Amino acid sequence: MQIPTIGFWGPATSTVDWCETNYQHVFYIAELFNSVSSLAMVLAGVLGILLHRNVLERRFLVAFALVSVVGLGSIAFHATLLFQCQMLDELPMLYLALAIVYILVENQPERRFGTWFPLALLGHAVLVTSLVAFTRGKLQFYLFHASFGSLELYALARVYLIHRRNRDARTRRIYRLGMSSYALAIAVWMSDIRFCSTLNESLPAHGFPNPQLHAWWHVLVSCGFYALLIVIAHDRLKTLGQEPQTHLAMGVIPLVRGTALPAARRG
């Protein structure tokens, strides 16, 4: 276990304190590497909006916006380690997962379930927000990850089915990139928790720095979220009767192109 260090924001009140040593580098930032690496999520969401604002429906722009909101909340959380800032990180993750579930379920030319389905998702969001925000300790930690994890597994299973029926070679490569990034992100996230004493004590004792695996989680999960949203968007444009194509902006950033949507369809 790391020895807690007090800095500008005072003692940590969050229900989890990650493996990066607190206030080691900057008096005003509790976890410098974890804070800076969260900018990757902000960038992923902003790029998604800028590259697809005239191509994709509003639901996708909301999802990309939520990716950026998660990144901003993650910066606040890791910079302060305050519980209220932890909520700015975790709750937008839940809302992003719910937005993706809505996109995946309502993948028809016209809405399948009417208004009751988004209202049910809204009710679920309110319930989970209450459970996560008003509990503490390990119970809070497990409630959040059970809630987010169940939505996450459903979404990943649905995206896998999309991939199975997709015959576009470039989109299939983007899927593999997204899933590989996501799987590696989960592996480093779990390793950062499981092997913290090794990473933060044993390695430095032998002259090796902490590799800051949670910071790499931020970068890798940003790539995974972005790539998988592109795969979902490609499938959605096909559902709308278009002939979408995936491209690489600047040779590295995946994007999807189709016929520009009329204003009436950007919902």
Protein backbone atom coordinates (compact mmCIF):
# COMPACT_ATOMS: atom_id res chain seq x y z
CA MET A 1 0.00 0.00 0.00
CA GLN A 2 1.23 3.50 -0.83
CA ILE A 3 1.70 6.00 1.96
CA PRO A 4 -0.96 8.71 1.53
CA THR A 5 0.48 12.17 0.90
CA ILE A 6 -1.43 15.38 1.62
CA GLY A 7 -1.35 18.11 -0.99
CA PHE A 8 -3.38 21.12 -2.10
CA TRP A 9 -6.74 19.30 -2.11
CA GLY A 10 -6.29 17.76 1.33
CA PRO A 11 -6.82 14.11 2.30
CA ALA A 12 -8.33 11.83 -0.34
CA THR A 13 -12.08 11.26 0.15
CA SER A 14 -12.63 9.10 -2.96
CA THR A 15 -13.55 5.45 -2.47
CA VAL A 16 -10.50 4.36 -4.50
CA ASP A 17 -6.94 5.69 -4.59
CA TRP A 18 -4.95 4.52 -7.59
CA CYS A 19 -1.39 3.26 -7.66
CA GLU A 20 0.26 6.54 -8.66
CA THR A 21 1.90 8.18 -5.63
CA ASN A 22 -0.16 11.18 -4.54
CA TYR A 23 1.32 14.67 -5.04
CA GLN A 24 4.68 13.20 -6.02
CA HIS A 25 5.31 15.70 -8.82
CA VAL A 26 3.01 18.70 -8.36
CA PHE A 27 1.59 20.07 -5.11
CA TYR A 28 -1.69 21.03 -6.86
CA ILE A 29 -2.32 17.71 -8.67
CA ALA A 30 -2.76 14.49 -6.70
CA GLU A 31 -2.04 12.11 -9.60
CA LEU A 32 -0.20 13.88 -12.41
CA PHE A 33 0.11 11.03 -14.91
CA ASN A 34 -3.49 9.89 -14.43
CA SER A 35 -4.73 13.48 -14.83
CA VAL A 36 -2.75 14.30 -17.97
CA SER A 37 -3.52 10.96 -19.66
CA SER A 38 -7.25 11.65 -19.23
CA LEU A 39 -6.89 14.28 -21.95
CA ALA A 40 -6.89 11.36 -24.41
CA MET A 41 -10.60 10.84 -23.70
CA VAL A 42 -11.33 14.53 -24.16
CA LEU A 43 -9.52 14.47 -27.50
CA ALA A 44 -11.27 11.29 -28.66
CA GLY A 45 -14.70 12.80 -28.04
CA VAL A 46 -13.85 16.14 -29.66
CA LEU A 47 -12.44 14.43 -32.76
CA GLY A 48 -15.53 12.25 -33.03
CA ILE A 49 -17.78 15.31 -33.06
CA LEU A 50 -15.65 17.42 -35.42
CA LEU A 51 -15.17 14.63 -37.96
CA HIS A 52 -18.80 13.44 -37.97
CA ARG A 53 -20.99 16.44 -37.12
CA ASN A 54 -22.55 16.51 -40.62
CA VAL A 55 -22.58 12.74 -41.14
CA LEU A 56 -23.95 11.06 -38.03
CA GLU A 57 -27.16 11.47 -36.06
CA ARG A 58 -27.32 13.46 -32.87
CA ARG A 59 -27.23 10.29 -30.77
CA PHE A 60 -23.67 9.63 -31.92
CA LEU A 61 -22.60 13.22 -31.28
CA VAL A 62 -24.03 12.88 -27.75
CA ALA A 63 -22.00 9.68 -27.26
CA PHE A 64 -18.79 11.36 -28.44
CA ALA A 65 -19.55 14.35 -26.21
CA LEU A 66 -19.96 12.03 -23.24
CA VAL A 67 -16.54 10.51 -23.96
CA SER A 68 -15.10 14.02 -23.57
CA VAL A 69 -17.15 14.62 -20.42
CA VAL A 70 -15.75 11.40 -18.95
CA GLY A 71 -12.27 12.69 -19.72
CA LEU A 72 -12.90 16.03 -18.01
CA GLY A 73 -14.38 14.27 -14.99
CA SER A 74 -11.40 11.92 -14.90
CA ILE A 75 -9.03 14.90 -14.84
CA ALA A 76 -10.95 16.40 -11.91
CA PHE A 77 -11.02 13.06 -10.07
CA HIS A 78 -7.35 12.21 -10.41
CA ALA A 79 -6.22 15.77 -9.78
CA THR A 80 -8.10 16.02 -6.46
CA LEU A 81 -9.03 12.49 -5.28
CA LEU A 82 -12.21 14.01 -3.86
CA PHE A 83 -15.40 11.93 -3.82
CA GLN A 84 -17.50 14.57 -5.55
CA CYS A 85 -14.97 14.68 -8.39
CA GLN A 86 -14.99 10.89 -8.50
CA MET A 87 -18.69 11.17 -9.33
CA LEU A 88 -17.81 13.52 -12.21
CA ASP A 89 -15.76 10.65 -13.62
CA GLU A 90 -17.90 7.59 -12.87
CA LEU A 91 -21.43 8.85 -13.51
CA PRO A 92 -20.69 10.10 -17.06
CA MET A 93 -19.23 6.64 -17.77
CA LEU A 94 -22.60 5.14 -16.86
CA TYR A 95 -24.44 7.68 -19.00
CA LEU A 96 -22.12 6.96 -21.93
CA ALA A 97 -22.81 3.23 -21.62
CA LEU A 98 -26.56 3.91 -21.58
CA ALA A 99 -26.27 6.12 -24.67
CA ILE A 100 -24.43 3.36 -26.52
CA VAL A 101 -27.06 0.81 -25.45
CA TYR A 102 -29.76 3.11 -26.87
CA ILE A 103 -27.87 3.42 -30.16
CA LEU A 104 -27.45 -0.35 -30.45
CA VAL A 105 -31.03 -1.25 -29.56
CA GLU A 106 -32.67 1.46 -31.68
CA ASN A 107 -30.74 0.53 -34.82
CA GLN A 108 -33.72 0.59 -37.19
CA PRO A 109 -34.68 3.14 -39.88
CA GLU A 110 -37.48 4.25 -37.53
CA ARG A 111 -37.67 4.04 -33.75
CA ARG A 112 -38.68 0.58 -32.54
CA PHE A 113 -39.92 1.17 -29.02
CA GLY A 114 -41.26 4.73 -28.96
CA THR A 115 -40.67 6.99 -25.98
CA TRP A 116 -40.89 4.36 -23.25
CA PHE A 117 -37.45 2.93 -24.00
CA PRO A 118 -35.41 6.14 -23.53
CA LEU A 119 -37.56 6.88 -20.48
CA ALA A 120 -36.69 3.44 -19.08
CA LEU A 121 -33.00 4.14 -19.67
CA LEU A 122 -33.43 7.50 -17.95
CA GLY A 123 -35.04 5.77 -14.97
CA HIS A 124 -32.15 3.32 -14.86
CA ALA A 125 -29.71 6.24 -14.90
CA VAL A 126 -31.49 7.88 -11.97
CA LEU A 127 -31.50 4.63 -9.98
CA VAL A 128 -27.84 3.86 -10.59
CA THR A 129 -26.85 7.46 -9.92
CA SER A 130 -28.51 7.19 -6.51
CA LEU A 131 -26.84 3.87 -5.73
CA VAL A 132 -23.38 5.02 -6.77
CA ALA A 133 -23.46 8.56 -5.37
CA PHE A 134 -24.89 7.77 -1.94
CA THR A 135 -22.76 4.78 -0.95
CA ARG A 136 -19.17 4.65 0.20
CA GLY A 137 -16.24 2.29 0.52
CA LYS A 138 -16.02 -1.07 -1.22
CA LEU A 139 -19.80 -1.18 -1.66
CA GLN A 140 -19.65 1.97 -3.79
CA PHE A 141 -16.74 0.57 -5.81
CA TYR A 142 -18.54 -2.70 -6.56
CA LEU A 143 -21.91 -1.07 -7.25
CA PHE A 144 -20.39 1.20 -9.86
CA HIS A 145 -18.41 -1.52 -11.59
CA ALA A 146 -21.33 -3.97 -11.55
CA SER A 147 -23.62 -1.32 -13.06
CA PHE A 148 -21.15 -0.13 -15.68
CA GLY A 149 -19.76 -3.60 -16.36
CA SER A 150 -23.15 -5.15 -17.18
CA LEU A 151 -23.91 -2.39 -19.70
CA GLU A 152 -20.38 -2.67 -21.06
CA LEU A 153 -20.61 -6.44 -21.63
CA TYR A 154 -23.96 -6.09 -23.40
CA ALA A 155 -22.60 -3.37 -25.68
CA LEU A 156 -19.44 -5.33 -26.49
CA ALA A 157 -21.49 -8.43 -27.35
CA ARG A 158 -23.71 -6.40 -29.69
CA VAL A 159 -20.70 -4.80 -31.39
CA TYR A 160 -19.20 -8.27 -31.88
CA LEU A 161 -22.38 -9.34 -33.69
CA ILE A 162 -22.14 -6.23 -35.87
CA HIS A 163 -18.56 -7.17 -36.70
CA ARG A 164 -19.57 -10.74 -37.60
CA ARG A 165 -21.99 -9.60 -40.29
CA ASN A 166 -19.85 -6.74 -41.59
CA ARG A 167 -17.92 -7.54 -44.78
CA ASP A 168 -16.06 -4.26 -45.13
CA ALA A 169 -12.36 -5.09 -44.67
CA ARG A 170 -11.31 -1.71 -43.28
CA THR A 171 -14.18 -1.59 -40.77
CA ARG A 172 -13.29 -5.09 -39.62
CA ARG A 173 -9.70 -3.93 -39.02
CA ILE A 174 -10.99 -0.95 -37.05
CA TYR A 175 -13.04 -3.37 -34.93
CA ARG A 176 -9.98 -5.49 -34.21
CA LEU A 177 -8.03 -2.36 -33.31
CA GLY A 178 -10.81 -1.20 -30.99
CA MET A 179 -11.25 -4.55 -29.26
CA SER A 180 -7.50 -5.06 -28.88
CA SER A 181 -7.14 -1.60 -27.32
CA TYR A 182 -10.11 -2.22 -25.04
CA ALA A 183 -8.90 -5.66 -23.92
CA LEU A 184 -5.39 -4.37 -23.25
CA ALA A 185 -6.85 -1.41 -21.36
CA ILE A 186 -8.79 -3.74 -19.05
CA ALA A 187 -5.67 -5.87 -18.52
CA VAL A 188 -3.51 -2.92 -17.48
CA TRP A 189 -6.35 -1.51 -15.30
CA MET A 190 -6.60 -4.78 -13.40
CA SER A 191 -2.81 -5.13 -13.16
CA ASP A 192 -2.52 -1.63 -11.69
CA ILE A 193 -4.90 -2.64 -8.90
CA ARG A 194 -3.64 -6.17 -8.35
CA PHE A 195 0.11 -5.49 -8.42
CA CYS A 196 0.28 -2.00 -6.94
CA SER A 197 2.86 -2.84 -4.28
CA THR A 198 5.14 -4.31 -6.96
CA LEU A 199 4.67 -1.36 -9.32
CA ASN A 200 4.97 1.38 -6.71
CA GLU A 201 7.48 -0.10 -4.27
CA SER A 202 9.40 -3.12 -5.56
CA LEU A 203 10.19 -1.71 -9.02
CA PRO A 204 11.44 1.69 -7.73
CA ALA A 205 13.50 -0.11 -5.10
CA HIS A 206 15.37 -1.81 -7.97
CA GLY A 207 15.74 1.38 -10.00
CA PHE A 208 12.71 0.98 -12.27
CA PRO A 209 9.93 3.62 -12.29
CA ASN A 210 6.27 2.84 -11.83
CA PRO A 211 4.97 2.29 -15.41
CA GLN A 212 1.74 4.16 -14.50
CA LEU A 213 -0.59 1.49 -15.88
CA HIS A 214 -3.76 3.40 -14.97
CA ALA A 215 -2.58 6.27 -17.16
CA TRP A 216 -2.14 3.81 -20.04
CA TRP A 217 -5.69 2.58 -19.34
CA HIS A 218 -6.94 6.09 -20.14
CA VAL A 219 -5.11 6.18 -23.47
CA LEU A 220 -6.02 2.65 -24.53
CA VAL A 221 -9.68 2.84 -23.52
CA SER A 222 -9.99 6.13 -25.42
CA CYS A 223 -8.75 4.43 -28.58
CA GLY A 224 -11.09 1.50 -27.93
CA PHE A 225 -14.19 3.63 -27.34
CA TYR A 226 -13.51 5.73 -30.42
CA ALA A 227 -12.83 2.81 -32.77
CA LEU A 228 -15.86 0.81 -31.63
CA LEU A 229 -18.14 3.84 -32.02
CA ILE A 230 -16.89 4.11 -35.61
CA VAL A 231 -17.85 0.45 -36.19
CA ILE A 232 -21.32 1.08 -34.72
CA ALA A 233 -21.71 4.24 -36.83
CA HIS A 234 -20.75 2.37 -40.02
CA ASP A 235 -23.48 -0.19 -39.31
CA ARG A 236 -25.99 2.54 -38.48
CA LEU A 237 -25.42 4.32 -41.80
CA LYS A 238 -26.02 1.04 -43.63
CA THR A 239 -29.29 0.66 -41.72
CA LEU A 240 -30.29 4.11 -42.95
CA GLY A 241 -29.79 2.97 -46.55
CA GLN A 242 -26.45 4.62 -47.18
CA GLU A 243 -23.21 3.13 -48.47
CA PRO A 244 -20.77 4.14 -45.73
CA GLN A 245 -17.03 4.00 -46.10
CA THR A 246 -14.38 4.14 -43.41
CA HIS A 247 -11.25 6.21 -43.92
CA LEU A 248 -8.14 7.21 -41.99
CA ALA A 249 -7.77 10.94 -41.36
CA MET A 250 -4.07 11.91 -41.45
CA GLY A 251 -3.41 8.22 -41.98
CA VAL A 252 -4.16 7.22 -38.37
CA ILE A 253 -7.59 8.44 -37.17
CA PRO A 254 -10.54 6.25 -38.25
CA LEU A 255 -13.65 8.01 -39.49
CA VAL A 256 -16.78 7.01 -41.35
CA ARG A 257 -18.30 8.79 -44.31
CA GLY A 258 -21.72 8.59 -45.92
CA THR A 259 -24.26 10.92 -47.42
CA ALA A 260 -24.68 14.06 -45.32
CA LEU A 261 -27.83 13.63 -43.26
CA PRO A 262 -30.73 16.05 -43.70
CA ALA A 263 -31.58 18.05 -40.58
CA ALA A 264 -34.74 15.98 -40.03
CA ARG A 265 -32.67 12.79 -39.61
CA ARG A 266 -30.07 14.14 -37.20
CA GLY A 267 -31.83 12.79 -34.13
